[in-house]
């Protein structure tokens, strides 16, 4: 089994190390860290990580992506937003 972070492509010796990394570095729970393939919404190409997907969208489709910073008034508001985003991830 591949123990590579789908957000930053860093590899780990065990799945538990990957889960710990995802939780501590990316603030991502287990559900998301097990996602293995990301699908391009433009051409349906499957990519191995979020970074690869973002690079693909910019280079193959000439779509410029901008990072967005969000601020939440409460932790509960953050959790609601986070769950919504996790449920919409383009996993295959």
PDB file of N, CA and C in Angstrom:
ATOM      1  N   UNK A   1       0.840  -1.188   0.000  1.00  0.00           N
ATOM      2  CA  UNK A   1       0.000   0.000   0.000  1.00  0.00           C
ATOM      3  C   UNK A   1       0.881   1.245   0.000  1.00  0.00           C
ATOM      4  N   UNK A   2       0.485   2.223  -0.801  1.00  0.00           N
ATOM      5  CA  UNK A   2       1.224   3.473  -0.911  1.00  0.00           C
ATOM      6  C   UNK A   2       0.864   4.377   0.259  1.00  0.00           C
ATOM      7  N   UNK A   3       1.851   4.834   0.986  1.00  0.00           N
ATOM      8  CA  UNK A   3       1.636   5.718   2.133  1.00  0.00           C
ATOM      9  C   UNK A   3       2.129   7.121   1.805  1.00  0.00           C
ATOM     10  N   UNK A   4       1.594   7.683   0.714  1.00  0.00           N
ATOM     11  CA  UNK A   4       1.988   9.009   0.261  1.00  0.00           C
ATOM     12  C   UNK A   4       0.856   9.993   0.508  1.00  0.00           C
ATOM     13  N   UNK A   5       1.187  11.144   1.054  1.00  0.00           N
ATOM     14  CA  UNK A   5       0.199  12.187   1.322  1.00  0.00           C
ATOM     15  C   UNK A   5      -0.326  12.738  -0.005  1.00  0.00           C
ATOM     16  N   UNK A   6      -1.643  12.754  -0.171  1.00  0.00           N
ATOM     17  CA  UNK A   6      -2.209  13.233  -1.424  1.00  0.00           C
ATOM     18  C   UNK A   6      -2.174  14.751  -1.535  1.00  0.00           C
ATOM     19  N   UNK A   7      -1.848  15.451  -0.454  1.00  0.00           N
ATOM     20  CA  UNK A   7      -1.769  16.910  -0.498  1.00  0.00           C
ATOM     21  C   UNK A   7      -0.376  17.418  -0.836  1.00  0.00           C
ATOM     22  N   UNK A   8       0.661  16.776  -0.308  1.00  0.00           N
ATOM     23  CA  UNK A   8       2.016  17.300  -0.513  1.00  0.00           C
ATOM     24  C   UNK A   8       2.988  16.285  -1.105  1.00  0.00           C
ATOM     25  N   UNK A   9       2.539  15.075  -1.373  1.00  0.00           N
ATOM     26  CA  UNK A   9       3.351  14.013  -1.986  1.00  0.00           C
ATOM     27  C   UNK A   9       4.455  13.460  -1.085  1.00  0.00           C
ATOM     28  N   UNK A  10       4.456  13.780   0.199  1.00  0.00           N
ATOM     29  CA  UNK A  10       5.459  13.230   1.110  1.00  0.00           C
ATOM     30  C   UNK A  10       5.117  11.762   1.395  1.00  0.00           C
ATOM     31  N   UNK A  11       6.138  10.897   1.399  1.00  0.00           N
ATOM     32  CA  UNK A  11       5.933   9.463   1.626  1.00  0.00           C
ATOM     33  C   UNK A  11       6.266   9.078   3.058  1.00  0.00           C
ATOM     34  N   UNK A  12       5.563   8.038   3.551  1.00  0.00           N
ATOM     35  CA  UNK A  12       5.741   7.568   4.923  1.00  0.00           C
ATOM     36  C   UNK A  12       5.881   6.059   4.935  1.00  0.00           C
ATOM     37  N   UNK A  13       6.573   5.556   5.955  1.00  0.00           N
ATOM     38  CA  UNK A  13       6.829   4.119   6.049  1.00  0.00           C
ATOM     39  C   UNK A  13       5.590   3.330   6.455  1.00  0.00           C
ATOM     40  N   UNK A  14       4.664   3.966   7.164  1.00  0.00           N
ATOM     41  CA  UNK A  14       3.452   3.270   7.603  1.00  0.00           C
ATOM     42  C   UNK A  14       2.225   4.149   7.391  1.00  0.00           C
ATOM     43  N   UNK A  15       1.065   3.500   7.318  1.00  0.00           N
ATOM     44  CA  UNK A  15      -0.193   4.228   7.169  1.00  0.00           C
ATOM     45  C   UNK A  15      -0.468   5.096   8.397  1.00  0.00           C
ATOM     46  N   UNK A  16      -0.087   4.626   9.571  1.00  0.00           N
ATOM     47  CA  UNK A  16      -0.332   5.424  10.780  1.00  0.00           C
ATOM     48  C   UNK A  16       0.510   6.697  10.778  1.00  0.00           C
ATOM     49  N   UNK A  17       1.735   6.619  10.252  1.00  0.00           N
ATOM     50  CA  UNK A  17       2.547   7.834  10.136  1.00  0.00           C
ATOM     51  C   UNK A  17       1.918   8.812   9.144  1.00  0.00           C
ATOM     52  N   UNK A  18       1.368   8.294   8.056  1.00  0.00           N
ATOM     53  CA  UNK A  18       0.677   9.144   7.086  1.00  0.00           C
ATOM     54  C   UNK A  18      -0.533   9.818   7.726  1.00  0.00           C
ATOM     55  N   UNK A  19      -1.333   9.055   8.469  1.00  0.00           N
ATOM     56  CA  UNK A  19      -2.511   9.637   9.126  1.00  0.00           C
ATOM     57  C   UNK A  19      -2.109  10.711  10.122  1.00  0.00           C
ATOM     58  N   UNK A  20      -1.056  10.455  10.892  1.00  0.00           N
ATOM     59  CA  UNK A  20      -0.580  11.449  11.856  1.00  0.00           C
ATOM     60  C   UNK A  20      -0.126  12.720  11.127  1.00  0.00           C
ATOM     61  N   UNK A  21       0.631  12.560  10.054  1.00  0.00           N
ATOM     62  CA  UNK A  21       1.079  13.697   9.247  1.00  0.00           C
ATOM     63  C   UNK A  21      -0.122  14.499   8.726  1.00  0.00           C
ATOM     64  N   UNK A  22      -1.103  13.806   8.143  1.00  0.00           N
ATOM     65  CA  UNK A  22      -2.280  14.486   7.586  1.00  0.00           C
ATOM     66  C   UNK A  22      -3.022  15.262   8.666  1.00  0.00           C
ATOM     67  N   UNK A  23      -3.140  14.662   9.838  1.00  0.00           N
ATOM     68  CA  UNK A  23      -3.846  15.313  10.942  1.00  0.00           C
ATOM     69  C   UNK A  23      -3.070  16.516  11.467  1.00  0.00           C
ATOM     70  N   UNK A  24      -1.767  16.363  11.682  1.00  0.00           N
ATOM     71  CA  UNK A  24      -0.974  17.426  12.307  1.00  0.00           C
ATOM     72  C   UNK A  24      -0.545  18.523  11.336  1.00  0.00           C
ATOM     73  N   UNK A  25      -0.167  18.167  10.136  1.00  0.00           N
ATOM     74  CA  UNK A  25       0.355  19.145   9.180  1.00  0.00           C
ATOM     75  C   UNK A  25      -0.761  19.786   8.356  1.00  0.00           C
ATOM     76  N   UNK A  26      -1.720  18.991   7.919  1.00  0.00           N
ATOM     77  CA  UNK A  26      -2.767  19.507   7.032  1.00  0.00           C
ATOM     78  C   UNK A  26      -4.121  19.645   7.725  1.00  0.00           C
ATOM     79  N   UNK A  27      -4.207  19.277   9.000  1.00  0.00           N
ATOM     80  CA  UNK A  27      -5.461  19.324   9.755  1.00  0.00           C
ATOM     81  C   UNK A  27      -6.553  18.524   9.042  1.00  0.00           C
ATOM     82  N   UNK A  28      -6.196  17.321   8.593  1.00  0.00           N
ATOM     83  CA  UNK A  28      -7.097  16.465   7.843  1.00  0.00           C
ATOM     84  C   UNK A  28      -7.329  15.185   8.627  1.00  0.00           C
ATOM     85  N   UNK A  29      -8.579  14.751   8.652  1.00  0.00           N
ATOM     86  CA  UNK A  29      -8.919  13.529   9.372  1.00  0.00           C
ATOM     87  C   UNK A  29      -8.683  12.301   8.486  1.00  0.00           C
ATOM     88  N   UNK A  30      -8.780  11.117   9.073  1.00  0.00           N
ATOM     89  CA  UNK A  30      -8.493   9.850   8.390  1.00  0.00           C
ATOM     90  C   UNK A  30      -9.265   9.666   7.089  1.00  0.00           C
ATOM     91  N   UNK A  31     -10.520  10.084   7.055  1.00  0.00           N
ATOM     92  CA  UNK A  31     -11.352   9.889   5.872  1.00  0.00           C
ATOM     93  C   UNK A  31     -10.683  10.462   4.623  1.00  0.00           C
ATOM     94  N   UNK A  32     -10.124  11.640   4.745  1.00  0.00           N
ATOM     95  CA  UNK A  32      -9.518  12.295   3.595  1.00  0.00           C
ATOM     96  C   UNK A  32      -8.136  11.744   3.308  1.00  0.00           C
ATOM     97  N   UNK A  33      -7.396  11.397   4.333  1.00  0.00           N
ATOM     98  CA  UNK A  33      -6.019  10.951   4.118  1.00  0.00           C
ATOM     99  C   UNK A  33      -5.942   9.616   3.387  1.00  0.00           C
ATOM    100  N   UNK A  34      -7.043   8.860   3.328  1.00  0.00           N
ATOM    101  CA  UNK A  34      -7.033   7.587   2.622  1.00  0.00           C
ATOM    102  C   UNK A  34      -7.411   7.741   1.152  1.00  0.00           C
ATOM    103  N   UNK A  35      -7.775   8.921   0.744  1.00  0.00           N
ATOM    104  CA  UNK A  35      -8.136   9.193  -0.645  1.00  0.00           C
ATOM    105  C   UNK A  35      -6.905   8.978  -1.528  1.00  0.00           C
ATOM    106  N   UNK A  36      -7.000   8.155  -2.566  1.00  0.00           N
ATOM    107  CA  UNK A  36      -5.823   7.795  -3.345  1.00  0.00           C
ATOM    108  C   UNK A  36      -5.726   8.504  -4.691  1.00  0.00           C
ATOM    109  N   UNK A  37      -6.819   8.761  -5.364  1.00  0.00           N
ATOM    110  CA  UNK A  37      -6.781   9.383  -6.684  1.00  0.00           C
ATOM    111  C   UNK A  37      -7.617  10.657  -6.676  1.00  0.00           C
ATOM    112  N   UNK A  38      -7.134  11.655  -7.401  1.00  0.00           N
ATOM    113  CA  UNK A  38      -7.859  12.906  -7.557  1.00  0.00           C
ATOM    114  C   UNK A  38      -8.239  12.999  -9.028  1.00  0.00           C
ATOM    115  N   UNK A  39      -9.479  13.425  -9.325  1.00  0.00           N
ATOM    116  CA  UNK A  39      -9.935  13.483 -10.708  1.00  0.00           C
ATOM    117  C   UNK A  39     -10.087  14.931 -11.145  1.00  0.00           C
ATOM    118  N   UNK A  40      -9.556  15.245 -12.321  1.00  0.00           N
ATOM    119  CA  UNK A  40      -9.687  16.576 -12.903  1.00  0.00           C
ATOM    120  C   UNK A  40     -11.140  16.769 -13.342  1.00  0.00           C
ATOM    121  N   UNK A  41     -11.758  17.861 -12.907  1.00  0.00           N
ATOM    122  CA  UNK A  41     -13.146  18.138 -13.279  1.00  0.00           C
ATOM    123  C   UNK A  41     -13.269  18.604 -14.728  1.00  0.00           C
ATOM    124  N   UNK A  42     -12.171  18.976 -15.356  1.00  0.00           N
ATOM    125  CA  UNK A  42     -12.199  19.462 -16.736  1.00  0.00           C
ATOM    126  C   UNK A  42     -12.128  18.298 -17.727  1.00  0.00           C
ATOM    127  N   UNK A  43     -11.161  17.388 -17.542  1.00  0.00           N
ATOM    128  CA  UNK A  43     -10.941  16.315 -18.526  1.00  0.00           C
ATOM    129  C   UNK A  43     -11.079  14.906 -17.945  1.00  0.00           C
ATOM    130  N   UNK A  44     -11.348  14.804 -16.656  1.00  0.00           N
ATOM    131  CA  UNK A  44     -11.522  13.520 -15.954  1.00  0.00           C
ATOM    132  C   UNK A  44     -10.238  12.715 -15.805  1.00  0.00           C
ATOM    133  N   UNK A  45      -9.079  13.313 -16.093  1.00  0.00           N
ATOM    134  CA  UNK A  45      -7.816  12.608 -15.860  1.00  0.00           C
ATOM    135  C   UNK A  45      -7.651  12.363 -14.365  1.00  0.00           C
ATOM    136  N   UNK A  46      -7.165  11.178 -13.998  1.00  0.00           N
ATOM    137  CA  UNK A  46      -6.937  10.843 -12.603  1.00  0.00           C
ATOM    138  C   UNK A  46      -5.482  11.102 -12.250  1.00  0.00           C
ATOM    139  N   UNK A  47      -5.274  11.784 -11.129  1.00  0.00           N
ATOM    140  CA  UNK A  47      -3.929  12.128 -10.686  1.00  0.00           C
ATOM    141  C   UNK A  47      -3.715  11.591  -9.286  1.00  0.00           C
ATOM    142  N   UNK A  48      -2.447  11.406  -8.917  1.00  0.00           N
ATOM    143  CA  UNK A  48      -2.119  10.705  -7.679  1.00  0.00           C
ATOM    144  C   UNK A  48      -2.159  11.569  -6.429  1.00  0.00           C
ATOM    145  N   UNK A  49      -2.245  12.897  -6.577  1.00  0.00           N
ATOM    146  CA  UNK A  49      -2.245  13.746  -5.385  1.00  0.00           C
ATOM    147  C   UNK A  49      -2.914  15.077  -5.681  1.00  0.00           C
ATOM    148  N   UNK A  50      -3.254  15.803  -4.628  1.00  0.00           N
ATOM    149  CA  UNK A  50      -3.834  17.131  -4.781  1.00  0.00           C
ATOM    150  C   UNK A  50      -2.843  18.053  -5.484  1.00  0.00           C
ATOM    151  N   UNK A  51      -1.569  17.955  -5.118  1.00  0.00           N
ATOM    152  CA  UNK A  51      -0.547  18.791  -5.755  1.00  0.00           C
ATOM    153  C   UNK A  51      -0.474  18.488  -7.247  1.00  0.00           C
ATOM    154  N   UNK A  52      -0.497  17.215  -7.605  1.00  0.00           N
ATOM    155  CA  UNK A  52      -0.458  16.833  -9.015  1.00  0.00           C
ATOM    156  C   UNK A  52      -1.696  17.344  -9.751  1.00  0.00           C
ATOM    157  N   UNK A  53      -2.852  17.288  -9.101  1.00  0.00           N
ATOM    158  CA  UNK A  53      -4.082  17.798  -9.706  1.00  0.00           C
ATOM    159  C   UNK A  53      -3.981  19.298  -9.956  1.00  0.00           C
ATOM    160  N   UNK A  54      -3.516  20.043  -8.962  1.00  0.00           N
ATOM    161  CA  UNK A  54      -3.393  21.494  -9.120  1.00  0.00           C
ATOM    162  C   UNK A  54      -2.396  21.843 -10.220  1.00  0.00           C
ATOM    163  N   UNK A  55      -1.267  21.144 -10.255  1.00  0.00           N
ATOM    164  CA  UNK A  55      -0.276  21.370 -11.311  1.00  0.00           C
ATOM    165  C   UNK A  55      -0.872  21.051 -12.684  1.00  0.00           C
ATOM    166  N   UNK A  56      -1.617  19.958 -12.766  1.00  0.00           N
ATOM    167  CA  UNK A  56      -2.251  19.541 -14.018  1.00  0.00           C
ATOM    168  C   UNK A  56      -3.238  20.597 -14.511  1.00  0.00           C
ATOM    169  N   UNK A  57      -4.103  21.078 -13.632  1.00  0.00           N
ATOM    170  CA  UNK A  57      -5.115  22.069 -14.019  1.00  0.00           C
ATOM    171  C   UNK A  57      -4.452  23.331 -14.567  1.00  0.00           C
ATOM    172  N   UNK A  58      -3.378  23.755 -13.906  1.00  0.00           N
ATOM    173  CA  UNK A  58      -2.693  24.965 -14.368  1.00  0.00           C
ATOM    174  C   UNK A  58      -1.958  24.740 -15.692  1.00  0.00           C
ATOM    175  N   UNK A  59      -1.270  23.614 -15.847  1.00  0.00           N
ATOM    176  CA  UNK A  59      -0.456  23.413 -17.053  1.00  0.00           C
ATOM    177  C   UNK A  59      -1.255  22.863 -18.241  1.00  0.00           C
ATOM    178  N   UNK A  60      -2.165  21.945 -18.014  1.00  0.00           N
ATOM    179  CA  UNK A  60      -2.899  21.329 -19.120  1.00  0.00           C
ATOM    180  C   UNK A  60      -4.079  22.173 -19.597  1.00  0.00           C
ATOM    181  N   UNK A  61      -4.690  22.895 -18.676  1.00  0.00           N
ATOM    182  CA  UNK A  61      -5.903  23.639 -19.022  1.00  0.00           C
ATOM    183  C   UNK A  61      -5.722  25.153 -18.931  1.00  0.00           C
ATOM    184  N   UNK A  62      -4.522  25.583 -18.578  1.00  0.00           N
ATOM    185  CA  UNK A  62      -4.198  27.015 -18.483  1.00  0.00           C
ATOM    186  C   UNK A  62      -5.174  27.765 -17.573  1.00  0.00           C
ATOM    187  N   UNK A  63      -5.513  27.128 -16.485  1.00  0.00           N
ATOM    188  CA  UNK A  63      -6.393  27.739 -15.494  1.00  0.00           C
ATOM    189  C   UNK A  63      -5.530  28.188 -14.327  1.00  0.00           C
ATOM    190  N   UNK A  64      -5.526  29.486 -14.082  1.00  0.00           N
ATOM    191  CA  UNK A  64      -4.748  30.033 -12.964  1.00  0.00           C
ATOM    192  C   UNK A  64      -5.543  29.853 -11.676  1.00  0.00           C
ATOM    193  N   UNK A  65      -4.911  29.267 -10.684  1.00  0.00           N
ATOM    194  CA  UNK A  65      -5.567  29.023  -9.404  1.00  0.00           C
ATOM    195  C   UNK A  65      -5.048  30.007  -8.370  1.00  0.00           C
ATOM    196  N   UNK A  66      -5.946  30.467  -7.517  1.00  0.00           N
ATOM    197  CA  UNK A  66      -5.571  31.368  -6.440  1.00  0.00           C
ATOM    198  C   UNK A  66      -5.879  30.701  -5.109  1.00  0.00           C
ATOM    199  N   UNK A  67      -4.987  30.887  -4.154  1.00  0.00           N
ATOM    200  CA  UNK A  67      -5.235  30.366  -2.811  1.00  0.00           C
ATOM    201  C   UNK A  67      -6.195  31.302  -2.097  1.00  0.00           C
ATOM    202  N   UNK A  68      -7.011  30.715  -1.253  1.00  0.00           N
ATOM    203  CA  UNK A  68      -7.996  31.476  -0.507  1.00  0.00           C
ATOM    204  C   UNK A  68      -7.775  31.240   0.982  1.00  0.00           C
ATOM    205  N   UNK A  69      -7.813  32.304   1.753  1.00  0.00           N
ATOM    206  CA  UNK A  69      -7.696  32.199   3.200  1.00  0.00           C
ATOM    207  C   UNK A  69      -9.071  32.416   3.811  1.00  0.00           C
ATOM    208  N   UNK A  70      -9.465  31.513   4.675  1.00  0.00           N
ATOM    209  CA  UNK A  70     -10.766  31.627   5.330  1.00  0.00           C
ATOM    210  C   UNK A  70     -10.568  31.850   6.816  1.00  0.00           C
ATOM    211  N   UNK A  71     -11.440  32.644   7.396  1.00  0.00           N
ATOM    212  CA  UNK A  71     -11.446  32.860   8.837  1.00  0.00           C
ATOM    213  C   UNK A  71     -12.843  32.539   9.347  1.00  0.00           C
ATOM    214  N   UNK A  72     -12.894  31.868  10.480  1.00  0.00           N
ATOM    215  CA  UNK A  72     -14.165  31.444  11.048  1.00  0.00           C
ATOM    216  C   UNK A  72     -14.342  32.063  12.423  1.00  0.00           C
ATOM    217  N   UNK A  73     -15.582  32.435  12.721  1.00  0.00           N
ATOM    218  CA  UNK A  73     -15.884  33.043  14.015  1.00  0.00           C
ATOM    219  C   UNK A  73     -15.853  32.023  15.146  1.00  0.00           C
ATOM    220  N   UNK A  74     -16.203  30.785  14.817  1.00  0.00           N
ATOM    221  CA  UNK A  74     -16.228  29.739  15.837  1.00  0.00           C
ATOM    222  C   UNK A  74     -15.610  28.461  15.283  1.00  0.00           C
ATOM    223  N   UNK A  75     -15.205  27.592  16.182  1.00  0.00           N
ATOM    224  CA  UNK A  75     -14.679  26.297  15.782  1.00  0.00           C
ATOM    225  C   UNK A  75     -15.780  25.471  15.119  1.00  0.00           C
ATOM    226  N   UNK A  76     -17.003  25.605  15.596  1.00  0.00           N
ATOM    227  CA  UNK A  76     -18.133  24.871  15.017  1.00  0.00           C
ATOM    228  C   UNK A  76     -18.348  25.276  13.554  1.00  0.00           C
ATOM    229  N   UNK A  77     -18.229  26.565  13.253  1.00  0.00           N
ATOM    230  CA  UNK A  77     -18.364  27.035  11.865  1.00  0.00           C
ATOM    231  C   UNK A  77     -17.266  26.431  10.995  1.00  0.00           C
ATOM    232  N   UNK A  78     -16.055  26.350  11.539  1.00  0.00           N
ATOM    233  CA  UNK A  78     -14.942  25.735  10.812  1.00  0.00           C
ATOM    234  C   UNK A  78     -15.236  24.261  10.537  1.00  0.00           C
ATOM    235  N   UNK A  79     -15.718  23.530  11.550  1.00  0.00           N
ATOM    236  CA  UNK A  79     -15.990  22.102  11.388  1.00  0.00           C
ATOM    237  C   UNK A  79     -17.055  21.857  10.320  1.00  0.00           C
ATOM    238  N   UNK A  80     -18.085  22.703  10.281  1.00  0.00           N
ATOM    239  CA  UNK A  80     -19.142  22.568   9.271  1.00  0.00           C
ATOM    240  C   UNK A  80     -18.564  22.780   7.880  1.00  0.00           C
ATOM    241  N   UNK A  81     -17.752  23.816   7.721  1.00  0.00           N
ATOM    242  CA  UNK A  81     -17.111  24.087   6.427  1.00  0.00           C
ATOM    243  C   UNK A  81     -16.194  22.932   6.025  1.00  0.00           C
ATOM    244  N   UNK A  82     -15.390  22.461   6.960  1.00  0.00           N
ATOM    245  CA  UNK A  82     -14.428  21.391   6.684  1.00  0.00           C
ATOM    246  C   UNK A  82     -15.139  20.116   6.232  1.00  0.00           C
ATOM    247  N   UNK A  83     -16.217  19.749   6.910  1.00  0.00           N
ATOM    248  CA  UNK A  83     -16.966  18.546   6.543  1.00  0.00           C
ATOM    249  C   UNK A  83     -17.550  18.689   5.140  1.00  0.00           C
ATOM    250  N   UNK A  84     -18.066  19.864   4.823  1.00  0.00           N
ATOM    251  CA  UNK A  84     -18.622  20.110   3.498  1.00  0.00           C
ATOM    252  C   UNK A  84     -17.549  19.947   2.417  1.00  0.00           C
ATOM    253  N   UNK A  85     -16.367  20.504   2.644  1.00  0.00           N
ATOM    254  CA  UNK A  85     -15.268  20.399   1.679  1.00  0.00           C
ATOM    255  C   UNK A  85     -14.830  18.946   1.527  1.00  0.00           C
ATOM    256  N   UNK A  86     -14.691  18.226   2.618  1.00  0.00           N
ATOM    257  CA  UNK A  86     -14.257  16.828   2.565  1.00  0.00           C
ATOM    258  C   UNK A  86     -15.247  15.964   1.794  1.00  0.00           C
ATOM    259  N   UNK A  87     -16.532  16.250   1.932  1.00  0.00           N
ATOM    260  CA  UNK A  87     -17.548  15.467   1.229  1.00  0.00           C
ATOM    261  C   UNK A  87     -17.558  15.747  -0.269  1.00  0.00           C
ATOM    262  N   UNK A  88     -16.971  16.868  -0.688  1.00  0.00           N
ATOM    263  CA  UNK A  88     -16.958  17.240  -2.102  1.00  0.00           C
ATOM    264  C   UNK A  88     -15.642  16.923  -2.800  1.00  0.00           C
ATOM    265  N   UNK A  89     -14.663  16.349  -2.103  1.00  0.00           N
ATOM    266  CA  UNK A  89     -13.376  16.050  -2.739  1.00  0.00           C
ATOM    267  C   UNK A  89     -13.569  15.108  -3.920  1.00  0.00           C
ATOM    268  N   UNK A  90     -12.872  15.369  -5.034  1.00  0.00           N
ATOM    269  CA  UNK A  90     -13.051  14.554  -6.241  1.00  0.00           C
ATOM    270  C   UNK A  90     -12.276  13.244  -6.203  1.00  0.00           C
ATOM    271  N   UNK A  91     -12.539  12.414  -5.221  1.00  0.00           N
ATOM    272  CA  UNK A  91     -11.868  11.112  -5.127  1.00  0.00           C
ATOM    273  C   UNK A  91     -12.509  10.152  -6.118  1.00  0.00           C
ATOM    274  N   UNK A  92     -11.711   9.194  -6.559  1.00  0.00           N
ATOM    275  CA  UNK A  92     -12.270   8.201  -7.484  1.00  0.00           C
ATOM    276  C   UNK A  92     -12.231   6.838  -6.845  1.00  0.00           C
TER     277      UNK A  92
END
